[in-house]
């Protein structure tokens, strides 16, 4: 990267950071170029020199947040714990106590996607990534005998992501259900679908939630069902894969 390209990259990063500072300082209020420019200590014209529109700036900022959230999820996958423990950790991360500004803007960006379909791949890729992470753990647990699946891995993974999306959207429309109850509801489905014994509530492992977007497709929902009866085992082995 030459000096000019590096300078452009740095200025774009400055503007993105200013965008999030504005978002956090005025929650639930519209963001405009003038406010971002003032926060970045530059003119509105300068902001539009680096981003063609406010929509492009918003989507770029969201894409960066999505990448961070995916990395956070991957760190959970990489833990030396049982598959069940990591499933619970993903649920804790996906249904947080508070909905972050980043997640809120993911949902609010849907109208932009209708007008700018070129941004759809990033949202779809995030959904696919979230499904894949759940599916990875589900297949690990099924392979080690820790899980007795009631449905194919891809279906269970997609349903878990859909439940996270729903419980993260509800607070944005005024739902006041306690967040621990929401997490318990997702855990209840996971326990039924994976064939593991209910777990006593414990301390949460992560705070900020990764945003999700609906619209992706599970690439290969192969039917890894444990036996025709799909029996629920009395309890998990809790043996790390």
C-alpha atoms as a PDB file:
ATOM      1  CA  UNK A   1       0.000   0.000   0.000  1.00  0.00           C
ATOM      2  CA  UNK A   2       1.512   3.313  -1.081  1.00  0.00           C
ATOM      3  CA  UNK A   3       1.377   6.490   0.980  1.00  0.00           C
ATOM      4  CA  UNK A   4      -1.711   7.836  -0.800  1.00  0.00           C
ATOM      5  CA  UNK A   5      -3.673   4.612  -0.379  1.00  0.00           C
ATOM      6  CA  UNK A   6      -2.587   4.341   3.250  1.00  0.00           C
ATOM      7  CA  UNK A   7      -3.715   7.898   3.920  1.00  0.00           C
ATOM      8  CA  UNK A   8      -7.086   7.215   2.310  1.00  0.00           C
ATOM      9  CA  UNK A   9      -7.518   4.064   4.384  1.00  0.00           C
ATOM     10  CA  UNK A  10      -6.664   5.930   7.585  1.00  0.00           C
ATOM     11  CA  UNK A  11      -9.118   8.722   6.832  1.00  0.00           C
ATOM     12  CA  UNK A  12     -11.904   6.235   6.100  1.00  0.00           C
ATOM     13  CA  UNK A  13     -11.180   4.510   9.412  1.00  0.00           C
ATOM     14  CA  UNK A  14     -11.309   7.879  11.191  1.00  0.00           C
ATOM     15  CA  UNK A  15     -14.717   8.569   9.668  1.00  0.00           C
ATOM     16  CA  UNK A  16     -16.049   5.123  10.606  1.00  0.00           C
ATOM     17  CA  UNK A  17     -14.933   5.601  14.215  1.00  0.00           C
ATOM     18  CA  UNK A  18     -16.642   9.003  14.204  1.00  0.00           C
ATOM     19  CA  UNK A  19     -19.811   7.369  12.872  1.00  0.00           C
ATOM     20  CA  UNK A  20     -19.953   4.975  15.835  1.00  0.00           C
ATOM     21  CA  UNK A  21     -19.219   7.740  18.342  1.00  0.00           C
ATOM     22  CA  UNK A  22     -22.172   9.683  16.952  1.00  0.00           C
ATOM     23  CA  UNK A  23     -24.349   6.556  17.033  1.00  0.00           C
ATOM     24  CA  UNK A  24     -23.559   5.974  20.704  1.00  0.00           C
ATOM     25  CA  UNK A  25     -24.039   9.599  21.688  1.00  0.00           C
ATOM     26  CA  UNK A  26     -27.514   9.868  20.151  1.00  0.00           C
ATOM     27  CA  UNK A  27     -29.189   6.454  20.407  1.00  0.00           C
ATOM     28  CA  UNK A  28     -32.354   5.915  18.373  1.00  0.00           C
ATOM     29  CA  UNK A  29     -31.828   9.188  16.517  1.00  0.00           C
ATOM     30  CA  UNK A  30     -31.026   9.499  12.808  1.00  0.00           C
ATOM     31  CA  UNK A  31     -27.387  10.000  11.873  1.00  0.00           C
ATOM     32  CA  UNK A  32     -26.482  12.501   9.186  1.00  0.00           C
ATOM     33  CA  UNK A  33     -23.298  13.399   7.353  1.00  0.00           C
ATOM     34  CA  UNK A  34     -23.016  16.744   9.106  1.00  0.00           C
ATOM     35  CA  UNK A  35     -22.940  15.110  12.561  1.00  0.00           C
ATOM     36  CA  UNK A  36     -20.325  12.578  11.478  1.00  0.00           C
ATOM     37  CA  UNK A  37     -18.226  15.304   9.879  1.00  0.00           C
ATOM     38  CA  UNK A  38     -18.319  17.401  13.046  1.00  0.00           C
ATOM     39  CA  UNK A  39     -17.257  14.399  15.133  1.00  0.00           C
ATOM     40  CA  UNK A  40     -14.440  13.619  12.689  1.00  0.00           C
ATOM     41  CA  UNK A  41     -13.398  17.304  12.653  1.00  0.00           C
ATOM     42  CA  UNK A  42     -13.746  17.680   8.908  1.00  0.00           C
ATOM     43  CA  UNK A  43     -16.238  19.155   6.473  1.00  0.00           C
ATOM     44  CA  UNK A  44     -19.273  17.226   5.190  1.00  0.00           C
ATOM     45  CA  UNK A  45     -17.789  17.483   1.702  1.00  0.00           C
ATOM     46  CA  UNK A  46     -14.647  15.775   2.959  1.00  0.00           C
ATOM     47  CA  UNK A  47     -16.684  12.900   4.398  1.00  0.00           C
ATOM     48  CA  UNK A  48     -18.398  12.481   1.036  1.00  0.00           C
ATOM     49  CA  UNK A  49     -15.000  12.487  -0.650  1.00  0.00           C
ATOM     50  CA  UNK A  50     -14.184   9.216   1.127  1.00  0.00           C
ATOM     51  CA  UNK A  51     -17.713   7.770   1.103  1.00  0.00           C
ATOM     52  CA  UNK A  52     -20.089   8.422  -1.773  1.00  0.00           C
ATOM     53  CA  UNK A  53     -23.120   8.579   0.532  1.00  0.00           C
ATOM     54  CA  UNK A  54     -24.263   8.157   4.110  1.00  0.00           C
ATOM     55  CA  UNK A  55     -25.613   4.744   3.105  1.00  0.00           C
ATOM     56  CA  UNK A  56     -22.177   3.596   1.979  1.00  0.00           C
ATOM     57  CA  UNK A  57     -20.646   4.847   5.222  1.00  0.00           C
ATOM     58  CA  UNK A  58     -23.283   3.065   7.304  1.00  0.00           C
ATOM     59  CA  UNK A  59     -22.903  -0.243   5.459  1.00  0.00           C
ATOM     60  CA  UNK A  60     -19.104  -0.067   5.643  1.00  0.00           C
ATOM     61  CA  UNK A  61     -19.256   0.599   9.378  1.00  0.00           C
ATOM     62  CA  UNK A  62     -21.664  -2.294   9.847  1.00  0.00           C
ATOM     63  CA  UNK A  63     -19.475  -4.626   7.805  1.00  0.00           C
ATOM     64  CA  UNK A  64     -16.560  -3.912  10.124  1.00  0.00           C
ATOM     65  CA  UNK A  65     -18.719  -4.567  13.179  1.00  0.00           C
ATOM     66  CA  UNK A  66     -19.955  -7.811  11.627  1.00  0.00           C
ATOM     67  CA  UNK A  67     -16.391  -9.004  11.137  1.00  0.00           C
ATOM     68  CA  UNK A  68     -15.557  -8.292  14.771  1.00  0.00           C
ATOM     69  CA  UNK A  69     -18.629 -10.195  15.920  1.00  0.00           C
ATOM     70  CA  UNK A  70     -17.720 -13.169  13.732  1.00  0.00           C
ATOM     71  CA  UNK A  71     -14.238 -13.213  15.234  1.00  0.00           C
ATOM     72  CA  UNK A  72     -15.764 -13.132  18.723  1.00  0.00           C
ATOM     73  CA  UNK A  73     -17.901 -16.143  17.865  1.00  0.00           C
ATOM     74  CA  UNK A  74     -14.914 -17.985  16.403  1.00  0.00           C
ATOM     75  CA  UNK A  75     -13.051 -17.553  19.686  1.00  0.00           C
ATOM     76  CA  UNK A  76     -15.896 -19.398  21.413  1.00  0.00           C
ATOM     77  CA  UNK A  77     -15.653 -22.228  18.888  1.00  0.00           C
ATOM     78  CA  UNK A  78     -11.912 -22.505  19.557  1.00  0.00           C
ATOM     79  CA  UNK A  79     -12.297 -22.997  23.318  1.00  0.00           C
ATOM     80  CA  UNK A  80     -11.127 -26.325  24.821  1.00  0.00           C
ATOM     81  CA  UNK A  81     -14.592 -27.117  26.182  1.00  0.00           C
ATOM     82  CA  UNK A  82     -17.335 -29.624  25.459  1.00  0.00           C
ATOM     83  CA  UNK A  83     -19.564 -28.985  22.465  1.00  0.00           C
ATOM     84  CA  UNK A  84     -22.527 -28.367  24.797  1.00  0.00           C
ATOM     85  CA  UNK A  85     -20.631 -25.768  26.829  1.00  0.00           C
ATOM     86  CA  UNK A  86     -19.696 -23.943  23.643  1.00  0.00           C
ATOM     87  CA  UNK A  87     -23.288 -24.058  22.377  1.00  0.00           C
ATOM     88  CA  UNK A  88     -24.407 -22.428  25.631  1.00  0.00           C
ATOM     89  CA  UNK A  89     -21.672 -19.799  25.259  1.00  0.00           C
ATOM     90  CA  UNK A  90     -22.831 -18.976  21.721  1.00  0.00           C
ATOM     91  CA  UNK A  91     -26.381 -18.522  22.993  1.00  0.00           C
ATOM     92  CA  UNK A  92     -25.173 -16.230  25.793  1.00  0.00           C
ATOM     93  CA  UNK A  93     -23.255 -14.156  23.246  1.00  0.00           C
ATOM     94  CA  UNK A  94     -26.155 -14.081  20.805  1.00  0.00           C
ATOM     95  CA  UNK A  95     -28.841 -12.937  23.274  1.00  0.00           C
ATOM     96  CA  UNK A  96     -27.154 -10.202  25.340  1.00  0.00           C
ATOM     97  CA  UNK A  97     -28.557  -8.201  28.229  1.00  0.00           C
ATOM     98  CA  UNK A  98     -28.423  -5.018  26.149  1.00  0.00           C
ATOM     99  CA  UNK A  99     -28.776  -4.561  22.393  1.00  0.00           C
ATOM    100  CA  UNK A 100     -25.721  -2.728  21.108  1.00  0.00           C
ATOM    101  CA  UNK A 101     -25.857   0.242  18.735  1.00  0.00           C
ATOM    102  CA  UNK A 102     -24.102  -1.899  16.147  1.00  0.00           C
ATOM    103  CA  UNK A 103     -26.776  -4.594  16.299  1.00  0.00           C
ATOM    104  CA  UNK A 104     -29.564  -2.038  16.241  1.00  0.00           C
ATOM    105  CA  UNK A 105     -28.132  -0.494  13.085  1.00  0.00           C
ATOM    106  CA  UNK A 106     -27.915  -3.889  11.436  1.00  0.00           C
ATOM    107  CA  UNK A 107     -31.681  -4.234  11.723  1.00  0.00           C
ATOM    108  CA  UNK A 108     -32.297  -0.629  10.730  1.00  0.00           C
ATOM    109  CA  UNK A 109     -30.164  -1.064   7.607  1.00  0.00           C
ATOM    110  CA  UNK A 110     -32.677  -3.422   5.973  1.00  0.00           C
ATOM    111  CA  UNK A 111     -34.438  -0.598   4.035  1.00  0.00           C
ATOM    112  CA  UNK A 112     -31.038   0.404   2.657  1.00  0.00           C
ATOM    113  CA  UNK A 113     -30.536  -3.130   1.370  1.00  0.00           C
ATOM    114  CA  UNK A 114     -33.746  -2.893  -0.634  1.00  0.00           C
ATOM    115  CA  UNK A 115     -32.338   0.109  -2.485  1.00  0.00           C
ATOM    116  CA  UNK A 116     -28.736  -1.139  -2.577  1.00  0.00           C
ATOM    117  CA  UNK A 117     -28.717  -4.877  -3.353  1.00  0.00           C
ATOM    118  CA  UNK A 118     -24.945  -4.754  -3.781  1.00  0.00           C
ATOM    119  CA  UNK A 119     -24.727  -4.790   0.015  1.00  0.00           C
ATOM    120  CA  UNK A 120     -26.812  -7.958   0.397  1.00  0.00           C
ATOM    121  CA  UNK A 121     -23.860 -10.377   0.107  1.00  0.00           C
ATOM    122  CA  UNK A 122     -22.263  -9.036   3.305  1.00  0.00           C
ATOM    123  CA  UNK A 123     -25.452  -9.542   5.300  1.00  0.00           C
ATOM    124  CA  UNK A 124     -26.050 -12.957   3.787  1.00  0.00           C
ATOM    125  CA  UNK A 125     -22.464 -13.998   4.464  1.00  0.00           C
ATOM    126  CA  UNK A 126     -22.839 -13.099   8.132  1.00  0.00           C
ATOM    127  CA  UNK A 127     -25.926 -15.277   8.440  1.00  0.00           C
ATOM    128  CA  UNK A 128     -24.136 -18.167   6.751  1.00  0.00           C
ATOM    129  CA  UNK A 129     -21.181 -17.707   9.069  1.00  0.00           C
ATOM    130  CA  UNK A 130     -23.364 -17.852  12.177  1.00  0.00           C
ATOM    131  CA  UNK A 131     -25.155 -20.955  10.929  1.00  0.00           C
ATOM    132  CA  UNK A 132     -21.859 -22.621  10.076  1.00  0.00           C
ATOM    133  CA  UNK A 133     -20.422 -22.013  13.548  1.00  0.00           C
ATOM    134  CA  UNK A 134     -23.433 -23.574  15.243  1.00  0.00           C
ATOM    135  CA  UNK A 135     -23.436 -26.434  12.777  1.00  0.00           C
ATOM    136  CA  UNK A 136     -19.758 -27.130  13.392  1.00  0.00           C
ATOM    137  CA  UNK A 137     -20.381 -27.623  17.113  1.00  0.00           C
ATOM    138  CA  UNK A 138     -23.518 -29.659  16.498  1.00  0.00           C
ATOM    139  CA  UNK A 139     -21.659 -32.054  14.209  1.00  0.00           C
ATOM    140  CA  UNK A 140     -18.767 -32.324  16.670  1.00  0.00           C
ATOM    141  CA  UNK A 141     -21.148 -33.178  19.496  1.00  0.00           C
ATOM    142  CA  UNK A 142     -23.049 -35.694  17.378  1.00  0.00           C
ATOM    143  CA  UNK A 143     -19.799 -37.312  16.276  1.00  0.00           C
ATOM    144  CA  UNK A 144     -18.548 -37.796  19.833  1.00  0.00           C
ATOM    145  CA  UNK A 145     -21.904 -39.067  21.099  1.00  0.00           C
ATOM    146  CA  UNK A 146     -22.473 -35.973  23.228  1.00  0.00           C
ATOM    147  CA  UNK A 147     -25.597 -35.050  21.237  1.00  0.00           C
ATOM    148  CA  UNK A 148     -28.525 -37.172  20.033  1.00  0.00           C
ATOM    149  CA  UNK A 149     -29.948 -34.993  17.285  1.00  0.00           C
ATOM    150  CA  UNK A 150     -33.691 -34.600  16.750  1.00  0.00           C
ATOM    151  CA  UNK A 151     -33.215 -32.938  13.331  1.00  0.00           C
ATOM    152  CA  UNK A 152     -30.428 -32.540  10.757  1.00  0.00           C
ATOM    153  CA  UNK A 153     -27.538 -30.327  11.959  1.00  0.00           C
ATOM    154  CA  UNK A 154     -28.241 -27.604   9.403  1.00  0.00           C
ATOM    155  CA  UNK A 155     -31.857 -27.248  10.469  1.00  0.00           C
ATOM    156  CA  UNK A 156     -30.966 -27.013  14.163  1.00  0.00           C
ATOM    157  CA  UNK A 157     -28.233 -24.458  13.439  1.00  0.00           C
ATOM    158  CA  UNK A 158     -30.549 -22.314  11.320  1.00  0.00           C
ATOM    159  CA  UNK A 159     -33.275 -22.402  13.978  1.00  0.00           C
ATOM    160  CA  UNK A 160     -30.832 -21.314  16.693  1.00  0.00           C
ATOM    161  CA  UNK A 161     -29.724 -18.325  14.612  1.00  0.00           C
ATOM    162  CA  UNK A 162     -33.365 -17.462  13.852  1.00  0.00           C
ATOM    163  CA  UNK A 163     -34.229 -17.557  17.564  1.00  0.00           C
ATOM    164  CA  UNK A 164     -31.312 -15.247  18.364  1.00  0.00           C
ATOM    165  CA  UNK A 165     -32.493 -12.822  15.679  1.00  0.00           C
ATOM    166  CA  UNK A 166     -36.026 -12.822  17.054  1.00  0.00           C
ATOM    167  CA  UNK A 167     -35.042 -12.272  20.679  1.00  0.00           C
ATOM    168  CA  UNK A 168     -32.646  -9.477  19.665  1.00  0.00           C
ATOM    169  CA  UNK A 169     -35.314  -7.775  17.569  1.00  0.00           C
ATOM    170  CA  UNK A 170     -38.049  -7.880  20.226  1.00  0.00           C
ATOM    171  CA  UNK A 171     -36.459  -5.270  22.562  1.00  0.00           C
ATOM    172  CA  UNK A 172     -36.194  -2.858  19.638  1.00  0.00           C
ATOM    173  CA  UNK A 173     -39.995  -2.895  19.294  1.00  0.00           C
ATOM    174  CA  UNK A 174     -40.668  -2.502  23.003  1.00  0.00           C
ATOM    175  CA  UNK A 175     -40.696  -6.067  24.333  1.00  0.00           C
ATOM    176  CA  UNK A 176     -39.700  -6.155  28.011  1.00  0.00           C
ATOM    177  CA  UNK A 177     -39.198  -9.884  28.524  1.00  0.00           C
ATOM    178  CA  UNK A 178     -36.203 -10.353  30.869  1.00  0.00           C
ATOM    179  CA  UNK A 179     -33.162 -11.246  28.822  1.00  0.00           C
ATOM    180  CA  UNK A 180     -32.337 -14.294  30.923  1.00  0.00           C
ATOM    181  CA  UNK A 181     -35.790 -15.649  30.088  1.00  0.00           C
ATOM    182  CA  UNK A 182     -35.009 -15.118  26.409  1.00  0.00           C
ATOM    183  CA  UNK A 183     -31.716 -16.982  26.725  1.00  0.00           C
ATOM    184  CA  UNK A 184     -33.471 -19.763  28.645  1.00  0.00           C
ATOM    185  CA  UNK A 185     -35.968 -20.125  25.802  1.00  0.00           C
ATOM    186  CA  UNK A 186     -33.175 -20.549  23.252  1.00  0.00           C
ATOM    187  CA  UNK A 187     -31.361 -22.995  25.531  1.00  0.00           C
ATOM    188  CA  UNK A 188     -34.584 -24.980  25.928  1.00  0.00           C
ATOM    189  CA  UNK A 189     -34.851 -25.458  22.175  1.00  0.00           C
ATOM    190  CA  UNK A 190     -31.162 -26.360  21.931  1.00  0.00           C
ATOM    191  CA  UNK A 191     -31.509 -28.989  24.657  1.00  0.00           C
ATOM    192  CA  UNK A 192     -34.509 -30.592  22.963  1.00  0.00           C
ATOM    193  CA  UNK A 193     -32.940 -30.498  19.511  1.00  0.00           C
ATOM    194  CA  UNK A 194     -29.543 -31.785  20.671  1.00  0.00           C
ATOM    195  CA  UNK A 195     -30.836 -34.383  23.117  1.00  0.00           C
ATOM    196  CA  UNK A 196     -29.061 -33.053  26.194  1.00  0.00           C
ATOM    197  CA  UNK A 197     -30.294 -32.670  29.748  1.00  0.00           C
ATOM    198  CA  UNK A 198     -31.438 -29.198  30.872  1.00  0.00           C
ATOM    199  CA  UNK A 199     -28.662 -27.185  32.424  1.00  0.00           C
ATOM    200  CA  UNK A 200     -28.927 -25.114  35.567  1.00  0.00           C
ATOM    201  CA  UNK A 201     -28.607 -21.364  34.844  1.00  0.00           C
ATOM    202  CA  UNK A 202     -25.108 -20.089  35.516  1.00  0.00           C
ATOM    203  CA  UNK A 203     -23.001 -16.974  34.978  1.00  0.00           C
ATOM    204  CA  UNK A 204     -22.954 -15.677  31.452  1.00  0.00           C
ATOM    205  CA  UNK A 205     -19.744 -15.961  29.484  1.00  0.00           C
ATOM    206  CA  UNK A 206     -19.956 -13.064  27.047  1.00  0.00           C
ATOM    207  CA  UNK A 207     -21.655  -9.686  26.809  1.00  0.00           C
ATOM    208  CA  UNK A 208     -21.847  -8.007  23.366  1.00  0.00           C
ATOM    209  CA  UNK A 209     -23.901  -9.777  20.751  1.00  0.00           C
ATOM    210  CA  UNK A 210     -23.080 -10.403  17.122  1.00  0.00           C
ATOM    211  CA  UNK A 211     -25.603  -9.101  14.734  1.00  0.00           C
ATOM    212  CA  UNK A 212     -27.534 -11.495  12.480  1.00  0.00           C
ATOM    213  CA  UNK A 213     -29.303 -11.046   9.265  1.00  0.00           C
ATOM    214  CA  UNK A 214     -31.911 -13.267   7.816  1.00  0.00           C
ATOM    215  CA  UNK A 215     -31.731 -14.376   4.213  1.00  0.00           C
ATOM    216  CA  UNK A 216     -28.834 -16.831   3.930  1.00  0.00           C
ATOM    217  CA  UNK A 217     -29.155 -20.485   2.983  1.00  0.00           C
ATOM    218  CA  UNK A 218     -27.545 -23.407   4.715  1.00  0.00           C
ATOM    219  CA  UNK A 219     -25.175 -24.904   2.142  1.00  0.00           C
ATOM    220  CA  UNK A 220     -25.685 -28.597   2.942  1.00  0.00           C
ATOM    221  CA  UNK A 221     -28.181 -29.606   5.625  1.00  0.00           C
ATOM    222  CA  UNK A 222     -27.153 -33.282   5.579  1.00  0.00           C
ATOM    223  CA  UNK A 223     -29.382 -35.504   7.698  1.00  0.00           C
ATOM    224  CA  UNK A 224     -27.122 -36.560  10.551  1.00  0.00           C
ATOM    225  CA  UNK A 225     -29.946 -37.875  12.716  1.00  0.00           C
ATOM    226  CA  UNK A 226     -29.065 -40.249  15.504  1.00  0.00           C
ATOM    227  CA  UNK A 227     -31.380 -43.220  14.992  1.00  0.00           C
ATOM    228  CA  UNK A 228     -34.963 -43.462  13.757  1.00  0.00           C
ATOM    229  CA  UNK A 229     -36.443 -42.867  17.186  1.00  0.00           C
ATOM    230  CA  UNK A 230     -34.434 -39.657  17.748  1.00  0.00           C
ATOM    231  CA  UNK A 231     -34.302 -40.553  21.432  1.00  0.00           C
ATOM    232  CA  UNK A 232     -33.289 -37.895  23.930  1.00  0.00           C
ATOM    233  CA  UNK A 233     -30.379 -39.001  26.041  1.00  0.00           C
ATOM    234  CA  UNK A 234     -30.646 -38.545  29.832  1.00  0.00           C
ATOM    235  CA  UNK A 235     -27.590 -36.297  29.914  1.00  0.00           C
ATOM    236  CA  UNK A 236     -24.517 -35.204  27.961  1.00  0.00           C
ATOM    237  CA  UNK A 237     -21.120 -36.776  28.419  1.00  0.00           C
ATOM    238  CA  UNK A 238     -19.588 -33.263  28.625  1.00  0.00           C
ATOM    239  CA  UNK A 239     -16.444 -34.653  27.049  1.00  0.00           C
ATOM    240  CA  UNK A 240     -14.546 -32.121  25.024  1.00  0.00           C
ATOM    241  CA  UNK A 241     -14.152 -33.175  21.376  1.00  0.00           C
END
